[in-house]
């Protein structure tokens, strides 16, 4: 009992230090945040054998034709990108006045989304940990009200910080483990709102279907497709990629609409087809920008069911 209490104390102390550190960094200019984030990304590659092992395994599965040096270069660049991402988010309030310049949302993208919201059936934004996924919240002002389903971190203080950053961009955070989340997302879609759902990870305890990802079956959350078919919502796969190789080059947000058969007689087959179509678009985005995805995630950790078993969900 004492050991458990001590663990809680250590966890709270660690979170307090991290939050205090992050709040201190929030006053930094963007350039300093990017420089620090990039340095931490490079350091992570050097100091973590486990991280290198996990990233190498994922990259070998995705790009078997590339040699080890090529894959390592992608992995290192991915960690630098994540460091830049952290620097952007932590200093966001300091550069908020430059948001329109730094995060480009093309007029054609805005018009496409506004036409969809005008249908009154809601929008499902299919997201992934691709590019700076948190900056996709920039499009929320065109399609309010907007919410996103998110997973809590290991401490409430860090969650509160993330929730505030999203709220600053008019995005409501719907925590996956919160008993009120299901009611909240249904209410949002019933009122023609927009719901963002990340589907590019293998998440234990979440209803999933197996669809191809880099040529291998990957357990993929099915919620986006289920909700789209239930409400007739428009489905868009969203990307937020860097506009250039330098850390301060900014981002461009784009969307790809995915059509589906809302009157399909085999709803389960249509859920699988729609999910696979969304994942195929995400894969194409990752192939175009391989250094902007989270290769440390073990995307294929859940094995497909054996022959004769249920092949549709885990």
Protein backbone atom coordinates (compact mmCIF):
# COMPACT_ATOMS: atom_id res chain seq x y z
CA UNK A 1 0.00 0.00 0.00
CA UNK A 2 2.84 2.35 0.93
CA UNK A 3 4.60 1.48 -2.33
CA UNK A 4 1.49 2.33 -4.32
CA UNK A 5 1.16 5.64 -2.48
CA UNK A 6 4.82 6.40 -3.16
CA UNK A 7 4.31 5.71 -6.87
CA UNK A 8 1.41 8.14 -6.94
CA UNK A 9 3.51 10.80 -5.21
CA UNK A 10 6.37 10.30 -7.68
CA UNK A 11 4.01 10.44 -10.64
CA UNK A 12 2.39 13.65 -9.37
CA UNK A 13 5.79 15.22 -8.69
CA UNK A 14 7.03 14.28 -12.15
CA UNK A 15 3.90 15.72 -13.76
CA UNK A 16 4.24 18.93 -11.74
CA UNK A 17 7.83 19.37 -12.92
CA UNK A 18 6.85 18.70 -16.55
CA UNK A 19 3.87 21.05 -16.44
CA UNK A 20 5.94 23.80 -14.79
CA UNK A 21 8.65 23.28 -17.43
CA UNK A 22 6.10 23.39 -20.26
CA UNK A 23 4.41 26.50 -18.88
CA UNK A 24 7.81 28.16 -18.71
CA UNK A 25 8.48 27.24 -22.33
CA UNK A 26 5.11 28.65 -23.42
CA UNK A 27 6.52 32.17 -23.25
CA UNK A 28 9.33 31.34 -25.69
CA UNK A 29 9.18 32.61 -29.28
CA UNK A 30 8.36 30.03 -31.93
CA UNK A 31 11.92 29.90 -33.29
CA UNK A 32 13.35 28.99 -29.90
CA UNK A 33 10.69 26.33 -29.36
CA UNK A 34 11.45 24.76 -32.75
CA UNK A 35 15.19 24.75 -32.08
CA UNK A 36 14.74 23.15 -28.67
CA UNK A 37 12.23 20.60 -29.97
CA UNK A 38 14.50 19.57 -32.83
CA UNK A 39 17.44 19.15 -30.47
CA UNK A 40 15.36 16.96 -28.14
CA UNK A 41 14.27 14.82 -31.11
CA UNK A 42 17.90 14.21 -32.12
CA UNK A 43 18.78 13.43 -28.52
CA UNK A 44 15.94 10.91 -28.23
CA UNK A 45 17.37 8.91 -31.14
CA UNK A 46 20.81 8.83 -29.54
CA UNK A 47 19.69 7.97 -26.01
CA UNK A 48 16.88 5.43 -26.45
CA UNK A 49 17.78 1.97 -27.78
CA UNK A 50 14.16 0.88 -27.32
CA UNK A 51 12.90 3.77 -29.45
CA UNK A 52 15.40 2.95 -32.19
CA UNK A 53 14.38 -0.71 -32.08
CA UNK A 54 10.65 0.03 -32.32
CA UNK A 55 11.04 2.55 -35.15
CA UNK A 56 13.33 0.27 -37.12
CA UNK A 57 10.84 -2.58 -36.84
CA UNK A 58 7.96 -0.46 -38.13
CA UNK A 59 10.00 1.03 -40.96
CA UNK A 60 11.28 -2.39 -42.03
CA UNK A 61 7.68 -3.62 -42.26
CA UNK A 62 6.54 -0.56 -44.23
CA UNK A 63 9.57 -0.11 -46.50
CA UNK A 64 11.27 -3.50 -46.97
CA UNK A 65 12.94 -2.31 -50.19
CA UNK A 66 14.84 0.48 -48.41
CA UNK A 67 18.15 -0.28 -46.74
CA UNK A 68 18.86 0.25 -43.06
CA UNK A 69 20.55 3.61 -43.57
CA UNK A 70 17.56 4.98 -45.48
CA UNK A 71 15.14 3.79 -42.82
CA UNK A 72 17.28 5.20 -40.02
CA UNK A 73 17.33 8.57 -41.79
CA UNK A 74 13.51 8.56 -41.87
CA UNK A 75 13.35 7.60 -38.20
CA UNK A 76 15.72 10.40 -37.12
CA UNK A 77 13.84 12.94 -39.24
CA UNK A 78 10.56 11.72 -37.73
CA UNK A 79 11.82 12.40 -34.20
CA UNK A 80 13.06 15.85 -35.19
CA UNK A 81 9.64 16.53 -36.71
CA UNK A 82 7.95 15.45 -33.47
CA UNK A 83 10.26 17.77 -31.57
CA UNK A 84 9.26 20.63 -33.86
CA UNK A 85 5.62 19.68 -33.36
CA UNK A 86 6.05 19.91 -29.59
CA UNK A 87 7.80 23.25 -29.94
CA UNK A 88 4.94 24.59 -32.06
CA UNK A 89 2.26 23.49 -29.63
CA UNK A 90 4.01 24.64 -26.47
CA UNK A 91 4.68 28.13 -27.85
CA UNK A 92 1.36 28.42 -29.70
CA UNK A 93 -0.03 31.24 -27.60
CA UNK A 94 3.10 33.30 -28.23
CA UNK A 95 2.62 33.15 -32.00
CA UNK A 96 -1.18 32.89 -32.23
CA UNK A 97 -1.39 36.21 -34.08
CA UNK A 98 0.58 34.59 -36.95
CA UNK A 99 -1.63 31.51 -37.13
CA UNK A 100 -3.19 32.32 -40.51
CA UNK A 101 0.24 32.83 -42.02
CA UNK A 102 1.78 29.74 -40.40
CA UNK A 103 -1.09 27.30 -40.98
CA UNK A 104 -2.43 27.61 -44.52
CA UNK A 105 -6.01 26.48 -45.14
CA UNK A 106 -6.64 26.84 -48.89
CA UNK A 107 -9.84 28.56 -49.96
CA UNK A 108 -10.86 25.43 -51.88
CA UNK A 109 -10.58 23.36 -48.69
CA UNK A 110 -12.72 25.85 -46.75
CA UNK A 111 -15.37 25.86 -49.49
CA UNK A 112 -15.47 22.05 -49.59
CA UNK A 113 -15.96 21.80 -45.84
CA UNK A 114 -18.59 24.52 -45.73
CA UNK A 115 -20.59 22.82 -48.49
CA UNK A 116 -20.52 19.64 -46.43
CA UNK A 117 -21.59 21.36 -43.21
CA UNK A 118 -24.46 23.05 -45.10
CA UNK A 119 -25.97 19.61 -45.77
CA UNK A 120 -26.82 19.48 -42.07
CA UNK A 121 -25.73 15.88 -41.53
CA UNK A 122 -22.45 16.62 -39.79
CA UNK A 123 -18.84 15.88 -40.70
CA UNK A 124 -16.44 13.14 -39.62
CA UNK A 125 -12.82 14.27 -39.83
CA UNK A 126 -10.62 11.18 -40.12
CA UNK A 127 -7.33 12.11 -38.48
CA UNK A 128 -3.99 10.42 -37.97
CA UNK A 129 -0.71 11.17 -36.22
CA UNK A 130 0.51 12.56 -39.53
CA UNK A 131 2.18 15.95 -39.77
CA UNK A 132 1.09 18.29 -36.99
CA UNK A 133 -2.30 16.74 -36.32
CA UNK A 134 -3.09 19.20 -33.52
CA UNK A 135 -2.89 22.13 -35.96
CA UNK A 136 -5.71 20.63 -38.02
CA UNK A 137 -7.88 22.29 -35.36
CA UNK A 138 -7.31 25.48 -37.34
CA UNK A 139 -10.15 24.49 -39.67
CA UNK A 140 -12.61 24.34 -36.77
CA UNK A 141 -13.59 28.00 -37.16
CA UNK A 142 -15.13 27.13 -40.54
CA UNK A 143 -17.12 24.13 -39.31
CA UNK A 144 -18.14 24.78 -35.71
CA UNK A 145 -19.14 23.22 -33.41
CA UNK A 146 -16.17 20.85 -33.45
CA UNK A 147 -15.01 18.12 -31.08
CA UNK A 148 -12.24 15.56 -31.13
CA UNK A 149 -11.98 12.20 -29.37
CA UNK A 150 -8.69 11.92 -27.50
CA UNK A 151 -6.92 9.53 -25.15
CA UNK A 152 -5.79 10.76 -21.76
CA UNK A 153 -2.10 10.84 -20.94
CA UNK A 154 -0.59 9.52 -17.72
CA UNK A 155 -1.46 12.63 -15.67
CA UNK A 156 -4.42 14.99 -15.38
CA UNK A 157 -2.24 18.12 -15.40
CA UNK A 158 -0.88 17.24 -18.84
CA UNK A 159 -4.40 16.46 -20.08
CA UNK A 160 -5.62 19.84 -18.86
CA UNK A 161 -2.82 21.53 -20.79
CA UNK A 162 -3.72 19.68 -24.02
CA UNK A 163 -7.41 20.40 -23.51
CA UNK A 164 -6.72 24.11 -23.11
CA UNK A 165 -4.63 24.24 -26.29
CA UNK A 166 -7.51 22.71 -28.26
CA UNK A 167 -10.07 24.97 -26.58
CA UNK A 168 -8.03 27.98 -27.69
CA UNK A 169 -8.83 26.85 -31.25
CA UNK A 170 -12.53 26.27 -30.42
CA UNK A 171 -12.24 22.47 -30.34
CA UNK A 172 -13.94 20.50 -27.57
CA UNK A 173 -11.99 17.54 -26.21
CA UNK A 174 -14.05 14.37 -25.73
CA UNK A 175 -11.98 12.00 -23.60
CA UNK A 176 -12.28 8.40 -24.72
CA UNK A 177 -12.65 6.99 -21.20
CA UNK A 178 -15.19 9.60 -20.05
CA UNK A 179 -18.70 8.09 -19.63
CA UNK A 180 -20.23 11.28 -21.07
CA UNK A 181 -18.23 11.14 -24.31
CA UNK A 182 -20.60 8.84 -26.22
CA UNK A 183 -23.52 11.15 -25.45
CA UNK A 184 -21.44 14.21 -26.34
CA UNK A 185 -20.36 12.98 -29.76
CA UNK A 186 -23.87 11.81 -30.64
CA UNK A 187 -25.27 15.21 -29.67
CA UNK A 188 -22.59 16.92 -31.76
CA UNK A 189 -23.45 14.95 -34.90
CA UNK A 190 -27.21 15.21 -34.38
CA UNK A 191 -26.79 18.98 -34.48
CA UNK A 192 -24.74 18.88 -37.68
CA UNK A 193 -21.40 19.43 -35.96
CA UNK A 194 -17.95 18.08 -36.74
CA UNK A 195 -16.20 15.21 -34.97
CA UNK A 196 -12.51 14.38 -35.35
CA UNK A 197 -11.40 10.76 -34.85
CA UNK A 198 -7.85 9.41 -35.09
CA UNK A 199 -7.76 5.98 -36.75
CA UNK A 200 -4.08 5.35 -37.51
CA UNK A 201 -3.25 3.37 -34.38
CA UNK A 202 -3.91 -0.11 -33.04
CA UNK A 203 -5.77 0.71 -29.83
CA UNK A 204 -6.53 -1.99 -27.30
CA UNK A 205 -10.15 -2.08 -26.18
CA UNK A 206 -11.48 -0.12 -29.16
CA UNK A 207 -13.73 -1.88 -31.66
CA UNK A 208 -11.68 -2.34 -34.83
CA UNK A 209 -11.63 -3.94 -38.25
CA UNK A 210 -8.61 -5.34 -40.09
CA UNK A 211 -7.75 -3.41 -43.25
CA UNK A 212 -4.55 -3.20 -45.32
CA UNK A 213 -1.84 -0.76 -44.20
CA UNK A 214 1.44 -0.91 -46.12
CA UNK A 215 0.37 -4.29 -47.46
CA UNK A 216 -0.33 -5.89 -44.08
CA UNK A 217 -3.64 -6.25 -42.20
CA UNK A 218 -3.80 -3.72 -39.39
CA UNK A 219 -6.41 -3.45 -36.64
CA UNK A 220 -8.05 -0.07 -37.23
CA UNK A 221 -10.72 1.73 -35.15
CA UNK A 222 -14.08 1.46 -36.90
CA UNK A 223 -15.89 4.28 -35.09
CA UNK A 224 -15.51 6.87 -37.87
CA UNK A 225 -17.19 4.59 -40.41
CA UNK A 226 -19.89 3.44 -37.98
CA UNK A 227 -20.84 7.03 -37.11
CA UNK A 228 -20.77 8.17 -40.74
CA UNK A 229 -23.22 5.44 -41.77
CA UNK A 230 -25.45 6.08 -38.76
CA UNK A 231 -25.77 9.85 -39.31
CA UNK A 232 -25.10 10.21 -43.04
CA UNK A 233 -22.19 12.50 -42.17
CA UNK A 234 -19.62 13.55 -44.77
CA UNK A 235 -16.24 11.88 -44.31
CA UNK A 236 -12.96 13.72 -44.88
CA UNK A 237 -9.43 12.45 -44.38
CA UNK A 238 -7.38 15.40 -43.12
CA UNK A 239 -3.67 16.13 -43.46
CA UNK A 240 -1.51 18.93 -42.07
CA UNK A 241 1.93 18.66 -43.68
CA UNK A 242 4.93 20.94 -43.50
CA UNK A 243 5.28 23.29 -46.44
CA UNK A 244 9.05 23.02 -46.58
CA UNK A 245 12.13 21.37 -45.03
CA UNK A 246 12.93 24.14 -42.54
CA UNK A 247 11.34 24.04 -39.08
CA UNK A 248 9.60 27.40 -39.49
CA UNK A 249 8.17 26.82 -42.97
CA UNK A 250 4.67 26.30 -41.58
CA UNK A 251 1.94 23.87 -42.60
CA UNK A 252 -0.81 23.33 -45.14
CA UNK A 253 -4.11 21.68 -44.23
CA UNK A 254 -5.82 19.61 -46.92
CA UNK A 255 -8.85 17.32 -46.97
CA UNK A 256 -9.92 14.41 -49.15
CA UNK A 257 -13.59 13.45 -49.15
CA UNK A 258 -14.34 9.73 -49.06
CA UNK A 259 -17.62 8.61 -50.58
CA UNK A 260 -19.63 5.71 -49.19
CA UNK A 261 -22.95 3.96 -49.70
CA UNK A 262 -25.23 5.13 -46.93
CA UNK A 263 -27.95 2.73 -48.10
CA UNK A 264 -25.73 -0.36 -48.24
CA UNK A 265 -27.61 -3.53 -47.33
CA UNK A 266 -24.45 -5.09 -45.85
CA UNK A 267 -23.54 -2.40 -43.33
CA UNK A 268 -20.62 -4.36 -41.91
CA UNK A 269 -19.02 -4.76 -45.33
CA UNK A 270 -19.49 -1.02 -45.98
CA UNK A 271 -17.87 -0.15 -42.64
CA UNK A 272 -14.84 -2.23 -43.63
CA UNK A 273 -14.73 -0.75 -47.14
CA UNK A 274 -14.99 2.84 -45.87
CA UNK A 275 -12.36 2.28 -43.19
CA UNK A 276 -10.01 0.70 -45.73
CA UNK A 277 -10.52 3.64 -48.12
CA UNK A 278 -9.61 6.12 -45.37
CA UNK A 279 -6.53 4.13 -44.36
CA UNK A 280 -5.40 3.89 -47.99
CA UNK A 281 -5.45 7.70 -48.19
CA UNK A 282 -3.52 7.97 -44.94
CA UNK A 283 -0.94 5.49 -46.23
CA UNK A 284 -0.51 7.57 -49.37
CA UNK A 285 0.07 10.66 -47.22
CA UNK A 286 2.65 8.84 -45.12
CA UNK A 287 4.47 7.57 -48.20
CA UNK A 288 4.66 11.14 -49.47
CA UNK A 289 5.92 12.45 -46.10
CA UNK A 290 7.42 9.43 -44.28
CA UNK A 291 9.25 11.62 -41.77
CA UNK A 292 5.93 13.03 -40.51
CA UNK A 293 4.46 9.86 -38.99
CA UNK A 294 4.97 8.21 -35.57
CA UNK A 295 7.05 5.15 -36.49
CA UNK A 296 7.55 4.19 -32.84
CA UNK A 297 3.91 3.06 -32.76
CA UNK A 298 3.56 -0.69 -33.30
CA UNK A 299 0.84 -0.49 -35.91
CA UNK A 300 0.57 -4.25 -36.53
CA UNK A 301 0.77 -5.47 -32.92
CA UNK A 302 -2.68 -7.15 -33.03
CA UNK A 303 -2.60 -10.26 -35.20
CA UNK A 304 -5.58 -10.94 -37.47
CA UNK A 305 -7.88 -13.76 -36.32
CA UNK A 306 -6.96 -17.23 -37.46
CA UNK A 307 -8.83 -18.94 -40.28
CA UNK A 308 -12.38 -19.72 -39.30
CA UNK A 309 -12.53 -16.97 -36.70
CA UNK A 310 -14.15 -13.57 -36.87
CA UNK A 311 -12.14 -11.59 -39.43
CA UNK A 312 -13.91 -8.30 -38.94
CA UNK A 313 -13.23 -6.94 -35.50
CA UNK A 314 -10.99 -7.53 -32.53
